[in-house]
Amino acid sequence: MRQLRIGLIALASLGLVACDDGDGGTDSGPPVGIDSGPPSGVDAGPPTGTDAGPPSTGTCGPVGGECMITPGAGAATACTADPMSGAARGCLLVGGGANPWMTQCAAVGVVPEGGDCDPTMVGQCGAGFECLGDPGSATCARLCCSNTDCAPGDRCVALSGAGPDGMEAGTCRTPVTCDPLNTTLDGSNGCPTGQACFTVGDSLDCFTPGTATVGQACMALNACVAGHGCYSFSTDMMFLCRELCDPMAMPTTCPAGMMCNALTGFTDLGACIMMPAM
């Protein structure tokens, strides 16, 4: 599965803006966008009568494509019926990863939200849904433009590059209980094997980790290795991979010369940053 680039809609549409995280300065959160890389041909179509969720907040997604992602009830009207067969079509995202995101109108199916699907095939999911994941474990996920397109408590996590800044299309995800300080990928962190626990706004979610390490630039929440996160603080104004830590731990687990700066929305989770100059 392509790396999930998660600066996520969860941050853009969440309205996650710079907040004071304590002594270390302002944390602006992970960058917008998450690369969830469904392969070309992943579907999101609507069967008649399928619940596409709450009313849409508008449209979003890549410009210049065949259609625009329209969450909610509008998903069934985002594309016209197939001119030859008259069959319903839905607007879906194709591309991701090394390929640019695009939209296209394609056949829709009957698999509901959360149902199993094959990401290599088109025409399985209902209107307004996208088949995401690895073959054998992929499910139909709800497409969204903002958090209000998702069920209460869920977050709209943007797909990196799936639209202009602030208009990225994303998928709805339910926060999970996992341990972001656990760097093992064997499932003991509360995530599926092979995934790490990352912050998504003021909640947690599991994604395949990236390969960037401490101090390296990042453009997505999960661009970093397990036990790290992609954050920008007012002390340096750069999105960098930073080691996660427990701000209540004494002594600190951060390297010498660094302090554990609590992250907004968490009392037991922070990121290691340089101590301010005296």
C-alpha atoms as a PDB file:
ATOM      1  CA  MET A   1       0.000   0.000   0.000  1.00  0.00           C
ATOM      2  CA  ARG A   2       1.321   3.447  -0.825  1.00  0.00           C
ATOM      3  CA  GLN A   3       2.432   5.438   2.164  1.00  0.00           C
ATOM      4  CA  LEU A   4      -0.452   7.322   3.756  1.00  0.00           C
ATOM      5  CA  ARG A   5       0.613  10.914   3.694  1.00  0.00           C
ATOM      6  CA  ILE A   6      -1.276  12.316   6.522  1.00  0.00           C
ATOM      7  CA  GLY A   7      -0.919  15.921   7.121  1.00  0.00           C
ATOM      8  CA  LEU A   8      -4.449  15.095   6.491  1.00  0.00           C
ATOM      9  CA  ILE A   9      -7.645  16.767   5.950  1.00  0.00           C
ATOM     10  CA  ALA A  10      -7.937  15.982   9.479  1.00  0.00           C
ATOM     11  CA  LEU A  11      -5.831  19.035   9.861  1.00  0.00           C
ATOM     12  CA  ALA A  12      -6.989  21.194   7.058  1.00  0.00           C
ATOM     13  CA  SER A  13     -10.671  20.689   7.382  1.00  0.00           C
ATOM     14  CA  LEU A  14     -10.384  20.206  11.076  1.00  0.00           C
ATOM     15  CA  GLY A  15      -9.467  23.803  11.152  1.00  0.00           C
ATOM     16  CA  LEU A  16      -6.384  22.760  13.051  1.00  0.00           C
ATOM     17  CA  VAL A  17      -4.484  25.984  13.293  1.00  0.00           C
ATOM     18  CA  ALA A  18      -1.500  27.053  15.314  1.00  0.00           C
ATOM     19  CA  CYS A  19      -2.082  26.582  19.025  1.00  0.00           C
ATOM     20  CA  ASP A  20       0.155  27.279  21.975  1.00  0.00           C
ATOM     21  CA  ASP A  21       1.668  23.997  23.099  1.00  0.00           C
ATOM     22  CA  GLY A  22       3.574  25.375  26.016  1.00  0.00           C
ATOM     23  CA  ASP A  23       7.099  26.578  26.644  1.00  0.00           C
ATOM     24  CA  GLY A  24       8.397  25.314  23.346  1.00  0.00           C
ATOM     25  CA  GLY A  25       6.266  27.601  21.228  1.00  0.00           C
ATOM     26  CA  THR A  26       3.405  27.162  18.837  1.00  0.00           C
ATOM     27  CA  ASP A  27       2.620  23.810  17.266  1.00  0.00           C
ATOM     28  CA  SER A  28       0.966  24.195  13.879  1.00  0.00           C
ATOM     29  CA  GLY A  29       0.332  20.482  13.590  1.00  0.00           C
ATOM     30  CA  PRO A  30       1.148  18.090  10.802  1.00  0.00           C
ATOM     31  CA  PRO A  31       0.995  19.451   7.267  1.00  0.00           C
ATOM     32  CA  VAL A  32      -2.142  19.067   5.204  1.00  0.00           C
ATOM     33  CA  GLY A  33      -2.440  15.931   3.146  1.00  0.00           C
ATOM     34  CA  ILE A  34      -2.164  12.175   3.502  1.00  0.00           C
ATOM     35  CA  ASP A  35      -1.001   9.920   0.773  1.00  0.00           C
ATOM     36  CA  SER A  36      -3.210   6.937   0.904  1.00  0.00           C
ATOM     37  CA  GLY A  37      -2.339   5.818  -2.512  1.00  0.00           C
ATOM     38  CA  PRO A  38      -5.198   3.794  -3.866  1.00  0.00           C
ATOM     39  CA  PRO A  39      -3.997   2.348  -7.138  1.00  0.00           C
ATOM     40  CA  SER A  40      -5.468   3.572 -10.380  1.00  0.00           C
ATOM     41  CA  GLY A  41      -8.907   2.190 -10.834  1.00  0.00           C
ATOM     42  CA  VAL A  42      -9.990   2.275  -7.181  1.00  0.00           C
ATOM     43  CA  ASP A  43     -13.682   2.870  -7.023  1.00  0.00           C
ATOM     44  CA  ALA A  44     -16.128   4.896  -5.041  1.00  0.00           C
ATOM     45  CA  GLY A  45     -19.461   4.570  -6.698  1.00  0.00           C
ATOM     46  CA  PRO A  46     -23.095   4.674  -5.459  1.00  0.00           C
ATOM     47  CA  PRO A  47     -25.772   2.023  -5.584  1.00  0.00           C
ATOM     48  CA  THR A  48     -29.296   3.348  -5.447  1.00  0.00           C
ATOM     49  CA  GLY A  49     -30.391   3.725  -1.859  1.00  0.00           C
ATOM     50  CA  THR A  50     -26.901   3.582  -0.361  1.00  0.00           C
ATOM     51  CA  ASP A  51     -26.455   6.044   2.496  1.00  0.00           C
ATOM     52  CA  ALA A  52     -23.818   8.533   1.432  1.00  0.00           C
ATOM     53  CA  GLY A  53     -23.822  10.254   4.795  1.00  0.00           C
ATOM     54  CA  PRO A  54     -24.654  13.755   6.012  1.00  0.00           C
ATOM     55  CA  PRO A  55     -25.218  16.640   3.577  1.00  0.00           C
ATOM     56  CA  SER A  56     -22.093  17.710   1.768  1.00  0.00           C
ATOM     57  CA  THR A  57     -20.232  20.848   2.756  1.00  0.00           C
ATOM     58  CA  GLY A  58     -19.313  21.383  -0.890  1.00  0.00           C
ATOM     59  CA  THR A  59     -16.940  19.925  -3.422  1.00  0.00           C
ATOM     60  CA  CYS A  60     -13.227  19.282  -3.309  1.00  0.00           C
ATOM     61  CA  GLY A  61     -10.475  17.328  -4.999  1.00  0.00           C
ATOM     62  CA  PRO A  62      -8.098  17.715  -7.936  1.00  0.00           C
ATOM     63  CA  VAL A  63      -9.062  20.358 -10.471  1.00  0.00           C
ATOM     64  CA  GLY A  64      -9.235  19.656 -14.179  1.00  0.00           C
ATOM     65  CA  GLY A  65     -10.544  16.137 -13.759  1.00  0.00           C
ATOM     66  CA  GLU A  66     -13.711  14.609 -15.080  1.00  0.00           C
ATOM     67  CA  CYS A  67     -15.654  15.435 -11.900  1.00  0.00           C
ATOM     68  CA  MET A  68     -15.366  16.862  -8.384  1.00  0.00           C
ATOM     69  CA  ILE A  69     -15.603  14.886  -5.172  1.00  0.00           C
ATOM     70  CA  THR A  70     -19.035  15.653  -3.736  1.00  0.00           C
ATOM     71  CA  PRO A  71     -19.641  14.076  -0.306  1.00  0.00           C
ATOM     72  CA  GLY A  72     -23.007  13.162   1.098  1.00  0.00           C
ATOM     73  CA  ALA A  73     -26.203  13.107  -0.930  1.00  0.00           C
ATOM     74  CA  GLY A  74     -24.508  14.936  -3.801  1.00  0.00           C
ATOM     75  CA  ALA A  75     -22.267  11.947  -4.497  1.00  0.00           C
ATOM     76  CA  ALA A  76     -25.007  10.327  -6.558  1.00  0.00           C
ATOM     77  CA  THR A  77     -25.176  13.335  -8.896  1.00  0.00           C
ATOM     78  CA  ALA A  78     -21.447  14.088  -9.273  1.00  0.00           C
ATOM     79  CA  CYS A  79     -21.373  12.162 -12.552  1.00  0.00           C
ATOM     80  CA  THR A  80     -23.908  11.503 -15.270  1.00  0.00           C
ATOM     81  CA  ALA A  81     -25.008   7.979 -16.073  1.00  0.00           C
ATOM     82  CA  ASP A  82     -23.009   5.931 -18.547  1.00  0.00           C
ATOM     83  CA  PRO A  83     -24.050   7.206 -21.980  1.00  0.00           C
ATOM     84  CA  MET A  84     -24.081   3.704 -23.456  1.00  0.00           C
ATOM     85  CA  SER A  85     -25.595   1.523 -20.737  1.00  0.00           C
ATOM     86  CA  GLY A  86     -27.378   4.101 -18.620  1.00  0.00           C
ATOM     87  CA  ALA A  87     -25.712   2.642 -15.516  1.00  0.00           C
ATOM     88  CA  ALA A  88     -25.001   4.965 -12.591  1.00  0.00           C
ATOM     89  CA  ARG A  89     -21.487   6.314 -12.238  1.00  0.00           C
ATOM     90  CA  GLY A  90     -19.664   7.898  -9.321  1.00  0.00           C
ATOM     91  CA  CYS A  91     -16.759  10.323  -9.009  1.00  0.00           C
ATOM     92  CA  LEU A  92     -13.622   8.630  -7.712  1.00  0.00           C
ATOM     93  CA  LEU A  93     -10.009   9.417  -7.106  1.00  0.00           C
ATOM     94  CA  VAL A  94      -7.337   7.601  -9.061  1.00  0.00           C
ATOM     95  CA  GLY A  95      -3.596   7.880  -8.718  1.00  0.00           C
ATOM     96  CA  GLY A  96      -1.731   8.737  -5.549  1.00  0.00           C
ATOM     97  CA  GLY A  97       1.769   7.788  -4.482  1.00  0.00           C
ATOM     98  CA  ALA A  98       4.175   8.634  -7.301  1.00  0.00           C
ATOM     99  CA  ASN A  99       1.280   9.503  -9.606  1.00  0.00           C
ATOM    100  CA  PRO A 100      -0.769  12.708  -9.401  1.00  0.00           C
ATOM    101  CA  TRP A 101      -4.295  12.416  -8.083  1.00  0.00           C
ATOM    102  CA  MET A 102      -7.052  12.771 -10.658  1.00  0.00           C
ATOM    103  CA  THR A 103     -10.797  12.247 -10.695  1.00  0.00           C
ATOM    104  CA  GLN A 104     -12.850  10.197 -13.083  1.00  0.00           C
ATOM    105  CA  CYS A 105     -16.433   9.028 -13.443  1.00  0.00           C
ATOM    106  CA  ALA A 106     -16.665   5.262 -13.176  1.00  0.00           C
ATOM    107  CA  ALA A 107     -19.174   2.521 -12.510  1.00  0.00           C
ATOM    108  CA  VAL A 108     -20.552   2.239  -8.997  1.00  0.00           C
ATOM    109  CA  GLY A 109     -21.202  -0.823  -6.920  1.00  0.00           C
ATOM    110  CA  VAL A 110     -23.118  -2.013  -3.899  1.00  0.00           C
ATOM    111  CA  VAL A 111     -20.419  -2.553  -1.243  1.00  0.00           C
ATOM    112  CA  PRO A 112     -21.279  -0.280   1.732  1.00  0.00           C
ATOM    113  CA  GLU A 113     -18.951   1.779   3.901  1.00  0.00           C
ATOM    114  CA  GLY A 114     -16.505  -0.493   5.718  1.00  0.00           C
ATOM    115  CA  GLY A 115     -17.220  -3.403   3.416  1.00  0.00           C
ATOM    116  CA  ASP A 116     -14.404  -5.457   1.916  1.00  0.00           C
ATOM    117  CA  CYS A 117     -13.280  -4.527  -1.592  1.00  0.00           C
ATOM    118  CA  ASP A 118     -10.469  -5.137  -4.049  1.00  0.00           C
ATOM    119  CA  PRO A 119      -8.411  -1.960  -4.739  1.00  0.00           C
ATOM    120  CA  THR A 120      -7.380  -3.290  -8.137  1.00  0.00           C
ATOM    121  CA  MET A 121     -10.952  -3.345  -9.424  1.00  0.00           C
ATOM    122  CA  VAL A 122     -13.468  -0.630 -10.314  1.00  0.00           C
ATOM    123  CA  GLY A 123     -17.170  -0.590  -9.566  1.00  0.00           C
ATOM    124  CA  GLN A 124     -17.458  -2.067  -6.081  1.00  0.00           C
ATOM    125  CA  CYS A 125     -18.134   0.683  -3.529  1.00  0.00           C
ATOM    126  CA  GLY A 126     -21.257   2.767  -3.239  1.00  0.00           C
ATOM    127  CA  ALA A 127     -21.558   6.417  -4.226  1.00  0.00           C
ATOM    128  CA  GLY A 128     -19.196   8.660  -2.326  1.00  0.00           C
ATOM    129  CA  PHE A 129     -16.906   5.858  -1.195  1.00  0.00           C
ATOM    130  CA  GLU A 130     -13.373   4.860  -2.177  1.00  0.00           C
ATOM    131  CA  CYS A 131     -11.721   1.439  -1.955  1.00  0.00           C
ATOM    132  CA  LEU A 132      -8.545   1.946   0.081  1.00  0.00           C
ATOM    133  CA  GLY A 133      -5.964  -0.458   1.454  1.00  0.00           C
ATOM    134  CA  ASP A 134      -3.949  -3.476   0.431  1.00  0.00           C
ATOM    135  CA  PRO A 135      -5.536  -6.315  -1.529  1.00  0.00           C
ATOM    136  CA  GLY A 136      -7.060  -8.646   1.026  1.00  0.00           C
ATOM    137  CA  SER A 137      -7.642  -5.948   3.641  1.00  0.00           C
ATOM    138  CA  ALA A 138      -9.020  -2.971   1.685  1.00  0.00           C
ATOM    139  CA  THR A 139     -12.411  -1.513   2.602  1.00  0.00           C
ATOM    140  CA  CYS A 140     -14.784   1.090   1.188  1.00  0.00           C
ATOM    141  CA  ALA A 141     -14.046   4.414   2.907  1.00  0.00           C
ATOM    142  CA  ARG A 142     -16.285   7.483   2.920  1.00  0.00           C
ATOM    143  CA  LEU A 143     -14.966  10.388   0.846  1.00  0.00           C
ATOM    144  CA  CYS A 144     -15.096  13.824   2.456  1.00  0.00           C
ATOM    145  CA  CYS A 145     -14.169  17.475   2.097  1.00  0.00           C
ATOM    146  CA  SER A 146     -14.351  18.366   5.803  1.00  0.00           C
ATOM    147  CA  ASN A 147     -15.106  16.833   9.187  1.00  0.00           C
ATOM    148  CA  THR A 148     -18.792  17.675   8.851  1.00  0.00           C
ATOM    149  CA  ASP A 149     -19.010  15.157   6.000  1.00  0.00           C
ATOM    150  CA  CYS A 150     -18.153  12.372   8.444  1.00  0.00           C
ATOM    151  CA  ALA A 151     -20.044  10.674  11.247  1.00  0.00           C
ATOM    152  CA  PRO A 152     -19.892  12.462  14.628  1.00  0.00           C
ATOM    153  CA  GLY A 153     -16.480  11.888  16.198  1.00  0.00           C
ATOM    154  CA  ASP A 154     -14.811  10.876  12.928  1.00  0.00           C
ATOM    155  CA  ARG A 155     -12.270  13.037  11.134  1.00  0.00           C
ATOM    156  CA  CYS A 156     -11.784  13.845   7.489  1.00  0.00           C
ATOM    157  CA  VAL A 157      -8.204  12.928   6.670  1.00  0.00           C
ATOM    158  CA  ALA A 158      -6.938  14.554   3.482  1.00  0.00           C
ATOM    159  CA  LEU A 159      -5.073  12.689   0.807  1.00  0.00           C
ATOM    160  CA  SER A 160      -1.853  14.525   0.034  1.00  0.00           C
ATOM    161  CA  GLY A 161      -2.037  16.240  -3.337  1.00  0.00           C
ATOM    162  CA  ALA A 162      -5.704  15.363  -3.858  1.00  0.00           C
ATOM    163  CA  GLY A 163      -6.613  18.952  -4.623  1.00  0.00           C
ATOM    164  CA  PRO A 164      -5.362  22.527  -4.141  1.00  0.00           C
ATOM    165  CA  ASP A 165      -4.395  23.624  -0.621  1.00  0.00           C
ATOM    166  CA  GLY A 166      -7.516  23.721   1.504  1.00  0.00           C
ATOM    167  CA  MET A 167      -9.519  21.742  -1.063  1.00  0.00           C
ATOM    168  CA  GLU A 168      -7.949  18.322  -0.711  1.00  0.00           C
ATOM    169  CA  ALA A 169     -10.329  15.394  -0.843  1.00  0.00           C
ATOM    170  CA  GLY A 170     -10.020  12.908   1.969  1.00  0.00           C
ATOM    171  CA  THR A 171     -11.599   9.940   3.673  1.00  0.00           C
ATOM    172  CA  CYS A 172     -13.408   9.700   7.002  1.00  0.00           C
ATOM    173  CA  ARG A 173     -11.545   7.857   9.727  1.00  0.00           C
ATOM    174  CA  THR A 174     -12.512   6.930  13.280  1.00  0.00           C
ATOM    175  CA  PRO A 175      -9.915   7.777  15.971  1.00  0.00           C
ATOM    176  CA  VAL A 176      -8.409   4.745  17.674  1.00  0.00           C
ATOM    177  CA  THR A 177      -6.751   3.962  20.988  1.00  0.00           C
ATOM    178  CA  CYS A 178      -3.078   3.278  20.384  1.00  0.00           C
ATOM    179  CA  ASP A 179       0.335   4.072  21.864  1.00  0.00           C
ATOM    180  CA  PRO A 180       2.378   6.575  19.824  1.00  0.00           C
ATOM    181  CA  LEU A 181       5.405   6.043  22.072  1.00  0.00           C
ATOM    182  CA  ASN A 182       5.556   2.338  21.246  1.00  0.00           C
ATOM    183  CA  THR A 183       7.890   2.028  18.267  1.00  0.00           C
ATOM    184  CA  THR A 184       7.328  -1.658  17.580  1.00  0.00           C
ATOM    185  CA  LEU A 185       5.175  -2.635  14.615  1.00  0.00           C
ATOM    186  CA  ASP A 186       4.109  -6.037  15.933  1.00  0.00           C
ATOM    187  CA  GLY A 187       0.633  -4.965  17.023  1.00  0.00           C
ATOM    188  CA  SER A 188       1.544  -4.298  20.657  1.00  0.00           C
ATOM    189  CA  ASN A 189       1.055  -0.548  20.038  1.00  0.00           C
ATOM    190  CA  GLY A 190      -2.666  -1.032  19.477  1.00  0.00           C
ATOM    191  CA  CYS A 191      -2.359  -0.841  15.678  1.00  0.00           C
ATOM    192  CA  PRO A 192      -2.513  -3.529  13.011  1.00  0.00           C
ATOM    193  CA  THR A 193       0.830  -5.236  12.449  1.00  0.00           C
ATOM    194  CA  GLY A 194       3.100  -3.044  10.333  1.00  0.00           C
ATOM    195  CA  GLN A 195       1.419   0.222  11.356  1.00  0.00           C
ATOM    196  CA  ALA A 196       2.427   2.919  13.832  1.00  0.00           C
ATOM    197  CA  CYS A 197       0.351   5.233  16.014  1.00  0.00           C
ATOM    198  CA  PHE A 198       0.271   8.907  14.983  1.00  0.00           C
ATOM    199  CA  THR A 199      -1.509  12.018  16.230  1.00  0.00           C
ATOM    200  CA  VAL A 200      -4.390  13.281  14.119  1.00  0.00           C
ATOM    201  CA  GLY A 201      -5.336  16.638  15.552  1.00  0.00           C
ATOM    202  CA  ASP A 202      -6.121  15.853  19.181  1.00  0.00           C
ATOM    203  CA  SER A 203      -6.761  12.168  18.547  1.00  0.00           C
ATOM    204  CA  LEU A 204      -4.803   9.109  17.439  1.00  0.00           C
ATOM    205  CA  ASP A 205      -4.886   6.857  14.397  1.00  0.00           C
ATOM    206  CA  CYS A 206      -2.833   4.062  12.846  1.00  0.00           C
ATOM    207  CA  PHE A 207      -0.978   4.355   9.549  1.00  0.00           C
ATOM    208  CA  THR A 208       1.981   2.797   7.793  1.00  0.00           C
ATOM    209  CA  PRO A 209       5.033   4.795   8.987  1.00  0.00           C
ATOM    210  CA  GLY A 210       7.453   6.549   6.701  1.00  0.00           C
ATOM    211  CA  THR A 211      11.238   6.489   6.715  1.00  0.00           C
ATOM    212  CA  ALA A 212      12.167  10.065   7.699  1.00  0.00           C
ATOM    213  CA  THR A 213      14.025  10.333  11.003  1.00  0.00           C
ATOM    214  CA  VAL A 214      14.624  13.043  13.608  1.00  0.00           C
ATOM    215  CA  GLY A 215      15.358  16.447  12.117  1.00  0.00           C
ATOM    216  CA  GLN A 216      14.448  15.525   8.556  1.00  0.00           C
ATOM    217  CA  ALA A 217      11.918  17.621   6.664  1.00  0.00           C
ATOM    218  CA  CYS A 218       8.457  16.099   6.246  1.00  0.00           C
ATOM    219  CA  MET A 219       5.248  16.923   4.470  1.00  0.00           C
ATOM    220  CA  ALA A 220       2.933  14.387   6.073  1.00  0.00           C
ATOM    221  CA  LEU A 221       2.108  13.231   9.558  1.00  0.00           C
ATOM    222  CA  ASN A 222       3.188   9.671   8.876  1.00  0.00           C
ATOM    223  CA  ALA A 223       6.223  10.534   6.779  1.00  0.00           C
ATOM    224  CA  CYS A 224       8.295   9.815   9.893  1.00  0.00           C
ATOM    225  CA  VAL A 225       9.356   6.540  11.472  1.00  0.00           C
ATOM    226  CA  ALA A 226       7.368   5.062  14.358  1.00  0.00           C
ATOM    227  CA  GLY A 227       7.596   7.017  17.612  1.00  0.00           C
ATOM    228  CA  HIS A 228       7.938  10.315  15.751  1.00  0.00           C
ATOM    229  CA  GLY A 229       5.640  12.930  14.288  1.00  0.00           C
ATOM    230  CA  CYS A 230       5.759  15.711  11.709  1.00  0.00           C
ATOM    231  CA  TYR A 231       5.288  19.070  13.460  1.00  0.00           C
ATOM    232  CA  SER A 232       6.163  22.730  13.091  1.00  0.00           C
ATOM    233  CA  PHE A 233       6.776  24.911  16.147  1.00  0.00           C
ATOM    234  CA  SER A 234       7.116  28.675  16.365  1.00  0.00           C
ATOM    235  CA  THR A 235      10.668  28.135  17.587  1.00  0.00           C
ATOM    236  CA  ASP A 236      11.775  27.097  14.105  1.00  0.00           C
ATOM    237  CA  MET A 237       8.677  27.277  11.830  1.00  0.00           C
ATOM    238  CA  MET A 238       9.722  24.150   9.947  1.00  0.00           C
ATOM    239  CA  PHE A 239       7.888  20.862   9.502  1.00  0.00           C
ATOM    240  CA  LEU A 240      10.377  18.337  10.826  1.00  0.00           C
ATOM    241  CA  CYS A 241      10.230  14.807  12.167  1.00  0.00           C
ATOM    242  CA  ARG A 242      10.397  15.065  15.934  1.00  0.00           C
ATOM    243  CA  GLU A 243      10.748  12.358  18.532  1.00  0.00           C
ATOM    244  CA  LEU A 244       7.602  11.850  20.593  1.00  0.00           C
ATOM    245  CA  CYS A 245       7.865  11.867  24.375  1.00  0.00           C
ATOM    246  CA  ASP A 246       5.936  11.953  27.656  1.00  0.00           C
ATOM    247  CA  PRO A 247       5.978  15.515  29.050  1.00  0.00           C
ATOM    248  CA  MET A 248       5.289  14.148  32.544  1.00  0.00           C
ATOM    249  CA  ALA A 249       8.304  11.812  32.558  1.00  0.00           C
ATOM    250  CA  MET A 250      11.123  12.733  34.929  1.00  0.00           C
ATOM    251  CA  PRO A 251      13.828  12.799  33.811  1.00  0.00           C
ATOM    252  CA  THR A 252      12.862  13.586  30.253  1.00  0.00           C
ATOM    253  CA  THR A 253      13.422  10.948  27.611  1.00  0.00           C
ATOM    254  CA  CYS A 254      14.497  13.612  25.106  1.00  0.00           C
ATOM    255  CA  PRO A 255      18.152  13.914  24.101  1.00  0.00           C
ATOM    256  CA  ALA A 256      20.446  16.310  25.974  1.00  0.00           C
ATOM    257  CA  GLY A 257      19.683  19.947  25.225  1.00  0.00           C
ATOM    258  CA  MET A 258      16.079  19.198  24.327  1.00  0.00           C
ATOM    259  CA  MET A 259      12.794  19.357  26.198  1.00  0.00           C
ATOM    260  CA  CYS A 260       9.476  17.555  25.846  1.00  0.00           C
ATOM    261  CA  ASN A 261       6.899  20.068  24.620  1.00  0.00           C
ATOM    262  CA  ALA A 262       3.296  18.933  25.192  1.00  0.00           C
ATOM    263  CA  LEU A 263       1.172  18.681  22.065  1.00  0.00           C
ATOM    264  CA  THR A 264      -2.146  20.483  21.873  1.00  0.00           C
ATOM    265  CA  GLY A 265      -4.983  18.266  23.058  1.00  0.00           C
ATOM    266  CA  PHE A 266      -2.719  15.863  24.961  1.00  0.00           C
ATOM    267  CA  THR A 267      -1.517  15.856  28.560  1.00  0.00           C
ATOM    268  CA  ASP A 268       0.638  12.749  28.232  1.00  0.00           C
ATOM    269  CA  LEU A 269       2.195  13.242  24.817  1.00  0.00           C
ATOM    270  CA  GLY A 270       4.701  15.734  23.504  1.00  0.00           C
ATOM    271  CA  ALA A 271       7.490  16.235  20.992  1.00  0.00           C
ATOM    272  CA  CYS A 272      11.170  16.824  21.701  1.00  0.00           C
ATOM    273  CA  ILE A 273      12.336  20.319  20.746  1.00  0.00           C
ATOM    274  CA  MET A 274      15.457  22.359  21.430  1.00  0.00           C
ATOM    275  CA  MET A 275      15.510  24.152  24.770  1.00  0.00           C
ATOM    276  CA  PRO A 276      15.156  27.929  24.381  1.00  0.00           C
ATOM    277  CA  ALA A 277      18.375  29.888  24.599  1.00  0.00           C
ATOM    278  CA  MET A 278      19.013  31.415  27.996  1.00  0.00           C
END
